[in-house]
Amino acid sequence: MGLIEKRLIKQGQETWVPEAQKELQELTGSGQVYEVAWDGFNADEAALNNVRFQGLRRINAAFRVVCSDELGKEAVKEQIRTVAVHNADDPAKKAMTLKDGVFTLVAAFGKGDVGYYTDNEILNWIQRAL
């Protein structure tokens, strides 16, 4: 991992994730936390540059719609405690899961449009999972 990646991870840990987590908690009305698996981003500058906007912001955009009413907020509060974000090296490894209170999104953030999910894909998946 080079200096650029170290700086981006530090910025993510100190700024991007806390901001996204605060917004998520405001949207859901409860205490969900973000967990980003930074070790999967170590040597991927492109992925680090994309995780903020193509990951955290898109996830929050999906939750904004899911939690637009009390039914959605209640479903999220009951079933999601943690939002985990992982980077993959191949778009074929993209996945979303919800297990034991953890919504996990795996995307290949450094691989362009084919590597990550749209807001609507995340929204539709979450709504079906709840």
Protein backbone atom coordinates (compact mmCIF):
# COMPACT_ATOMS: atom_id res chain seq x y z
CA MET A 1 0.00 0.00 0.00
CA GLY A 2 1.35 3.37 -1.03
CA LEU A 3 1.03 6.82 0.46
CA ILE A 4 -1.97 7.69 -1.73
CA GLU A 5 -3.92 4.67 -0.50
CA LYS A 6 -2.95 5.36 3.12
CA ARG A 7 -4.19 8.93 2.84
CA LEU A 8 -7.46 7.88 1.20
CA ILE A 9 -8.10 5.22 3.87
CA LYS A 10 -7.37 7.75 6.62
CA GLN A 11 -9.78 10.20 5.02
CA GLY A 12 -12.38 7.46 4.71
CA GLN A 13 -12.04 6.41 8.33
CA GLU A 14 -12.02 9.94 9.72
CA THR A 15 -14.46 11.72 7.41
CA TRP A 16 -16.43 9.71 4.83
CA VAL A 17 -17.63 6.88 7.06
CA PRO A 18 -18.55 9.05 10.07
CA GLU A 19 -20.49 11.43 7.80
CA ALA A 20 -22.27 8.57 6.03
CA GLN A 21 -23.04 6.83 9.33
CA LYS A 22 -24.52 10.01 10.82
CA GLU A 23 -26.72 10.46 7.75
CA LEU A 24 -27.78 6.79 7.81
CA GLN A 25 -28.80 7.05 11.46
CA GLU A 26 -30.81 10.19 10.71
CA LEU A 27 -32.55 8.44 7.80
CA THR A 28 -33.40 5.30 9.72
CA GLY A 29 -34.11 6.88 13.08
CA SER A 30 -31.97 4.23 14.76
CA GLY A 31 -28.34 3.36 15.43
CA GLN A 32 -26.96 1.46 12.44
CA VAL A 33 -23.19 1.56 12.01
CA TYR A 34 -21.00 1.34 8.95
CA GLU A 35 -18.13 -1.12 8.85
CA VAL A 36 -15.80 -0.78 5.88
CA ALA A 37 -13.31 -3.60 5.32
CA TRP A 38 -10.41 -1.30 4.50
CA ASP A 39 -7.96 -4.18 4.04
CA GLY A 40 -9.73 -5.02 0.76
CA PHE A 41 -8.89 -1.55 -0.56
CA ASN A 42 -5.18 -1.50 0.33
CA ALA A 43 -3.72 -1.55 -3.16
CA ASP A 44 -6.69 -0.18 -5.10
CA GLU A 45 -6.60 3.59 -5.45
CA ALA A 46 -9.50 3.59 -7.92
CA ALA A 47 -11.69 1.64 -5.49
CA LEU A 48 -10.84 4.04 -2.67
CA ASN A 49 -11.75 6.98 -4.88
CA ASN A 50 -15.13 5.35 -5.68
CA VAL A 51 -16.26 3.88 -2.36
CA ARG A 52 -17.47 7.21 -1.01
CA PHE A 53 -19.80 8.07 -3.89
CA GLN A 54 -20.51 4.69 -5.48
CA GLY A 55 -20.80 2.87 -2.17
CA LEU A 56 -21.68 4.93 0.90
CA ARG A 57 -23.76 7.56 -0.87
CA ARG A 58 -25.67 5.01 -2.96
CA ILE A 59 -26.42 2.89 0.10
CA ASN A 60 -27.72 5.95 1.93
CA ALA A 61 -29.80 6.94 -1.10
CA ALA A 62 -31.45 3.51 -1.00
CA PHE A 63 -32.13 3.79 2.74
CA ARG A 64 -33.59 7.27 2.18
CA VAL A 65 -36.36 5.67 0.11
CA VAL A 66 -36.76 2.55 2.27
CA CYS A 67 -37.14 4.72 5.37
CA SER A 68 -39.48 7.27 3.84
CA ASP A 69 -42.27 6.06 6.13
CA GLU A 70 -42.60 4.48 9.56
CA LEU A 71 -43.05 0.96 8.15
CA GLY A 72 -39.68 1.17 6.44
CA LYS A 73 -37.94 2.67 9.46
CA GLU A 74 -39.35 -0.04 11.71
CA ALA A 75 -38.30 -2.84 9.34
CA VAL A 76 -34.76 -1.46 9.13
CA LYS A 77 -34.56 -0.92 12.89
CA GLU A 78 -35.63 -4.52 13.54
CA GLN A 79 -33.43 -6.21 10.94
CA ILE A 80 -30.32 -4.14 10.22
CA ARG A 81 -27.77 -3.12 12.85
CA THR A 82 -24.66 -2.95 10.68
CA VAL A 83 -23.93 -2.00 7.08
CA ALA A 84 -20.72 -3.68 5.95
CA VAL A 85 -18.92 -2.58 2.78
CA HIS A 86 -16.32 -4.77 1.08
CA ASN A 87 -14.24 -4.33 -2.05
CA ALA A 88 -13.81 -7.19 -4.51
CA ASP A 89 -11.20 -7.56 -7.22
CA ASP A 90 -13.71 -8.82 -9.80
CA PRO A 91 -17.21 -7.55 -10.69
CA ALA A 92 -18.39 -11.16 -10.79
CA LYS A 93 -17.97 -11.22 -6.99
CA LYS A 94 -20.55 -8.46 -6.41
CA ALA A 95 -23.12 -9.46 -3.82
CA MET A 96 -25.57 -8.22 -1.24
CA THR A 97 -26.59 -10.21 1.81
CA LEU A 98 -28.56 -9.68 4.99
CA LYS A 99 -27.72 -12.07 7.79
CA ASP A 100 -27.82 -11.75 11.57
CA GLY A 101 -28.51 -8.02 11.42
CA VAL A 102 -25.68 -7.26 8.99
CA PHE A 103 -26.41 -5.91 5.52
CA THR A 104 -23.27 -6.58 3.49
CA LEU A 105 -22.53 -5.01 0.13
CA VAL A 106 -19.61 -6.38 -1.85
CA ALA A 107 -18.62 -4.49 -5.00
CA ALA A 108 -15.61 -4.09 -7.24
CA PHE A 109 -15.38 -0.34 -6.69
CA GLY A 110 -12.27 0.03 -8.81
CA LYS A 111 -13.77 -1.60 -11.91
CA GLY A 112 -16.09 1.17 -13.13
CA ASP A 113 -19.84 0.94 -13.65
CA VAL A 114 -19.87 -2.85 -13.92
CA GLY A 115 -18.23 -3.09 -10.51
CA TYR A 116 -20.85 -1.47 -8.32
CA TYR A 117 -24.61 -1.34 -7.85
CA THR A 118 -26.96 1.49 -8.75
CA ASP A 119 -29.10 3.17 -6.09
CA ASN A 120 -32.17 1.37 -7.46
CA GLU A 121 -30.50 -2.04 -7.39
CA ILE A 122 -29.58 -1.53 -3.74
CA LEU A 123 -33.03 -0.16 -2.93
CA ASN A 124 -34.86 -3.05 -4.59
CA TRP A 125 -32.64 -5.64 -2.93
CA ILE A 126 -33.09 -4.16 0.55
CA GLN A 127 -36.85 -3.83 0.18
CA ARG A 128 -37.14 -7.48 -0.86
CA ALA A 129 -34.86 -8.61 1.96
CA LEU A 130 -36.90 -6.81 4.61
